[in-house]
Each structure stands twice: as C-alpha cells, then as structure tokens.
C-alpha atoms as a PDB file:
ATOM      1  CA  MET A   1     112.286 -41.795  99.512  1.00  0.00           C
ATOM      2  CA  ALA A   2     115.461 -39.554  99.646  1.00  0.00           C
ATOM      3  CA  VAL A   3     116.801 -42.377  97.338  1.00  0.00           C
ATOM      4  CA  ARG A   4     114.157 -41.830  94.981  1.00  0.00           C
ATOM      5  CA  LEU A   5     114.694 -38.275  94.339  1.00  0.00           C
ATOM      6  CA  PHE A   6     118.465 -38.018  94.302  1.00  0.00           C
ATOM      7  CA  LEU A   7     118.290 -40.653  91.372  1.00  0.00           C
ATOM      8  CA  LEU A   8     115.649 -39.793  90.003  1.00  0.00           C
ATOM      9  CA  ALA A   9     117.401 -35.609  89.929  1.00  0.00           C
ATOM     10  CA  SER A  10     120.633 -37.799  88.330  1.00  0.00           C
ATOM     11  CA  ALA A  11     118.577 -39.112  85.556  1.00  0.00           C
ATOM     12  CA  VAL A  12     116.830 -36.209  84.910  1.00  0.00           C
ATOM     13  CA  TRP A  13     120.559 -34.079  84.928  1.00  0.00           C
ATOM     14  CA  GLY A  14     122.326 -36.730  83.309  1.00  0.00           C
ATOM     15  CA  ILE A  15     120.555 -35.946  79.758  1.00  0.00           C
ATOM     16  CA  VAL A  16     120.177 -32.727  80.033  1.00  0.00           C
ATOM     17  CA  GLY A  17     123.711 -32.374  80.386  1.00  0.00           C
ATOM     18  CA  MET A  18     124.631 -34.861  77.642  1.00  0.00           C
ATOM     19  CA  LEU A  19     122.633 -33.601  75.386  1.00  0.00           C
ATOM     20  CA  ILE A  20     124.430 -30.398  76.107  1.00  0.00           C
ATOM     21  CA  GLY A  21     127.561 -32.105  75.342  1.00  0.00           C
ATOM     22  CA  MET A  22     126.846 -33.208  72.602  1.00  0.00           C
ATOM     23  CA  TYR A  23     125.506 -29.953  71.238  1.00  0.00           C
ATOM     24  CA  ALA A  24     128.614 -28.779  71.981  1.00  0.00           C
ATOM     25  CA  ALA A  25     130.714 -31.522  70.101  1.00  0.00           C
ATOM     26  CA  ALA A  26     128.423 -31.103  67.209  1.00  0.00           C
ATOM     27  CA  GLU A  27     129.255 -27.461  67.351  1.00  0.00           C
ATOM     28  CA  LEU A  28     133.034 -28.399  67.818  1.00  0.00           C
ATOM     29  CA  THR A  29     132.581 -30.099  64.040  1.00  0.00           C
ATOM     30  CA  TRP A  30     129.988 -27.617  62.157  1.00  0.00           C
ATOM     31  CA  PRO A  31     130.840 -24.273  63.966  1.00  0.00           C
ATOM     32  CA  GLY A  32     127.846 -22.412  61.747  1.00  0.00           C
ATOM     33  CA  LEU A  33     125.259 -24.466  64.690  1.00  0.00           C
ATOM     34  CA  ASN A  34     125.103 -21.702  66.892  1.00  0.00           C
ATOM     35  CA  LEU A  35     123.432 -19.535  64.613  1.00  0.00           C
ATOM     36  CA  GLY A  36     125.491 -16.190  65.116  1.00  0.00           C
ATOM     37  CA  ILE A  37     123.380 -16.438  68.537  1.00  0.00           C
ATOM     38  CA  SER A  38     126.787 -15.743  71.231  1.00  0.00           C
ATOM     39  CA  TRP A  39     125.358 -17.706  74.054  1.00  0.00           C
ATOM     40  CA  LEU A  40     125.409 -20.909  71.648  1.00  0.00           C
ATOM     41  CA  THR A  41     129.160 -21.025  70.831  1.00  0.00           C
ATOM     42  CA  PHE A  42     130.830 -23.547  72.621  1.00  0.00           C
ATOM     43  CA  SER A  43     133.039 -21.620  75.228  1.00  0.00           C
ATOM     44  CA  HIS A  44     129.644 -20.650  76.709  1.00  0.00           C
ATOM     45  CA  ILE A  45     127.984 -23.964  76.809  1.00  0.00           C
ATOM     46  CA  ARG A  46     131.016 -26.059  77.995  1.00  0.00           C
ATOM     47  CA  PRO A  47     130.749 -24.406  81.576  1.00  0.00           C
ATOM     48  CA  ASP A  48     127.278 -25.730  81.499  1.00  0.00           C
ATOM     49  CA  HIS A  49     127.790 -29.483  80.050  1.00  0.00           C
ATOM     50  CA  THR A  50     130.140 -29.611  82.801  1.00  0.00           C
ATOM     51  CA  PHE A  51     128.111 -28.825  85.443  1.00  0.00           C
ATOM     52  CA  GLY A  52     125.088 -30.500  84.843  1.00  0.00           C
ATOM     53  CA  VAL A  53     127.398 -33.709  84.219  1.00  0.00           C
ATOM     54  CA  ILE A  54     130.032 -33.772  87.009  1.00  0.00           C
ATOM     55  CA  PHE A  55     127.693 -32.174  89.342  1.00  0.00           C
ATOM     56  CA  ALA A  56     124.384 -32.009  88.746  1.00  0.00           C
ATOM     57  CA  PHE A  57     124.329 -35.594  87.148  1.00  0.00           C
ATOM     58  CA  GLY A  58     127.186 -37.147  89.334  1.00  0.00           C
ATOM     59  CA  GLY A  59     126.025 -35.293  92.651  1.00  0.00           C
ATOM     60  CA  SER A  60     122.683 -36.672  92.438  1.00  0.00           C
ATOM     61  CA  ALA A  61     124.262 -40.479  91.991  1.00  0.00           C
ATOM     62  CA  LEU A  62     126.731 -40.106  94.367  1.00  0.00           C
ATOM     63  CA  MET A  63     124.396 -39.030  97.405  1.00  0.00           C
ATOM     64  CA  GLY A  64     121.442 -41.936  96.075  1.00  0.00           C
ATOM     65  CA  THR A  65     124.173 -44.322  95.965  1.00  0.00           C
ATOM     66  CA  CYS A  66     125.430 -43.488  99.199  1.00  0.00           C
ATOM     67  CA  TYR A  67     121.471 -43.436 101.409  1.00  0.00           C
ATOM     68  CA  TYR A  68     121.020 -46.889  99.583  1.00  0.00           C
ATOM     69  CA  VAL A  69     124.301 -48.427 100.609  1.00  0.00           C
ATOM     70  CA  VAL A  70     124.229 -47.225 104.181  1.00  0.00           C
ATOM     71  CA  GLN A  71     120.351 -48.691 104.447  1.00  0.00           C
ATOM     72  CA  ARG A  72     121.393 -52.656 103.084  1.00  0.00           C
ATOM     73  CA  THR A  73     125.175 -52.352 104.512  1.00  0.00           C
ATOM     74  CA  GLY A  74     123.037 -51.993 107.815  1.00  0.00           C
ATOM     75  CA  HIS A  75     119.961 -53.355 107.437  1.00  0.00           C
ATOM     76  CA  ALA A  76     118.061 -51.028 108.343  1.00  0.00           C
ATOM     77  CA  ARG A  77     115.998 -47.691 107.305  1.00  0.00           C
ATOM     78  CA  LEU A  78     117.411 -44.395 107.877  1.00  0.00           C
ATOM     79  CA  ALA A  79     116.446 -42.977 111.602  1.00  0.00           C
ATOM     80  CA  PHE A  80     115.144 -39.353 110.341  1.00  0.00           C
ATOM     81  CA  ASP A  81     113.783 -40.382 106.542  1.00  0.00           C
ATOM     82  CA  LYS A  82     112.333 -35.973 106.586  1.00  0.00           C
ATOM     83  CA  LEU A  83     116.222 -34.820 107.263  1.00  0.00           C
ATOM     84  CA  ALA A  84     117.463 -37.550 104.537  1.00  0.00           C
ATOM     85  CA  GLU A  85     115.103 -35.568 102.312  1.00  0.00           C
ATOM     86  CA  PHE A  86     115.615 -32.719 103.209  1.00  0.00           C
ATOM     87  CA  THR A  87     119.291 -32.898 101.644  1.00  0.00           C
ATOM     88  CA  PHE A  88     118.195 -33.597  98.489  1.00  0.00           C
ATOM     89  CA  ILE A  89     116.684 -29.790  98.840  1.00  0.00           C
ATOM     90  CA  ALA A  90     119.464 -28.143 100.542  1.00  0.00           C
ATOM     91  CA  VAL A  91     121.605 -29.781  97.646  1.00  0.00           C
ATOM     92  CA  GLY A  92     119.006 -28.329  95.119  1.00  0.00           C
ATOM     93  CA  LEU A  93     119.284 -24.433  96.768  1.00  0.00           C
ATOM     94  CA  LEU A  94     122.874 -25.011  97.184  1.00  0.00           C
ATOM     95  CA  HIS A  95     123.201 -25.537  93.550  1.00  0.00           C
ATOM     96  CA  ILE A  96     120.312 -22.591  92.532  1.00  0.00           C
ATOM     97  CA  VAL A  97     122.195 -19.915  95.309  1.00  0.00           C
ATOM     98  CA  ASN A  98     125.494 -20.494  93.152  1.00  0.00           C
ATOM     99  CA  ASN A  99     124.434 -19.896  89.955  1.00  0.00           C
ATOM    100  CA  LEU A 100     122.030 -16.983  90.566  1.00  0.00           C
ATOM    101  CA  ALA A 101     122.155 -14.422  88.143  1.00  0.00           C
ATOM    102  CA  VAL A 102     120.679 -10.352  87.873  1.00  0.00           C
ATOM    103  CA  PRO A 103     119.723 -10.141  83.890  1.00  0.00           C
ATOM    104  CA  VAL A 104     120.352  -6.848  82.740  1.00  0.00           C
ATOM    105  CA  SER A 105     118.728  -7.292  79.272  1.00  0.00           C
ATOM    106  CA  LEU A 106     117.335 -10.399  77.321  1.00  0.00           C
ATOM    107  CA  THR A 107     120.657 -11.995  76.329  1.00  0.00           C
ATOM    108  CA  LYS A 108     123.320 -10.310  78.938  1.00  0.00           C
ATOM    109  CA  SER A 109     123.326 -11.036  83.070  1.00  0.00           C
ATOM    110  CA  TYR A 110     125.854 -10.390  86.023  1.00  0.00           C
ATOM    111  CA  PRO A 111     126.638 -13.843  88.500  1.00  0.00           C
ATOM    112  CA  THR A 112     125.407 -12.823  92.053  1.00  0.00           C
ATOM    113  CA  CYS A 113     128.583 -14.802  93.065  1.00  0.00           C
ATOM    114  CA  ARG A 114     132.518 -15.230  92.692  1.00  0.00           C
END
C-alpha cells in the first residue's frame, strides 16, 4: 500500500509542479500574463515549481521506488506495512511543517520556519 501511496503522490505532484513550470515558462515569454498580481510573477512562481518537481515529485517517486525494489529483490513483503505507510504520512507532515506560514492579510504571510 505504501508503494501505491507514494507513486500516487508522485503523479499528482508531478502534474501540479510541471503545470506551474509551464506557467512560469509562459510568463517569461509573455510578462503581462501575471495580470499585475505580484504573487504570480516569475520570481514567486519559480520556487513553487522547483519545490514541487524536485522534492514532492522526485522524493515521492524515490520513496515509492525504494519500497518496491526492496520487496522485489528480497522476494518478500515488507515486514511492517503500517510502518511503511507511516513514513508516507511523516514525509507529508515534514513538507507541511517546513512550509507553514502565518497569514497577515489576503496577499501577505510570514513563514514560521527560517
């Protein structure tokens, strides 16, 4: 089950991260695409694309692949399925906690971790 969870997360984050990347690339060609909204500028979108593709997509794919390869090469199931599923939750919590922000207005927020 952990393999499926990680690979599903990888697919979702791959689509989201690459769509953000396509928007950022389009913004380089057509700078007016951000419609004057400061948080849609290339400088604000690029870190979201990078984080989404490298860490969320790549990390989820790596973890799912690791769990799959261990079972295939060992010719056995994982000893503790629930512990493997917990690592999926723990990785998700790590991403959430590291990106927490306190909103102070509709368009401004401050990160809680630096």
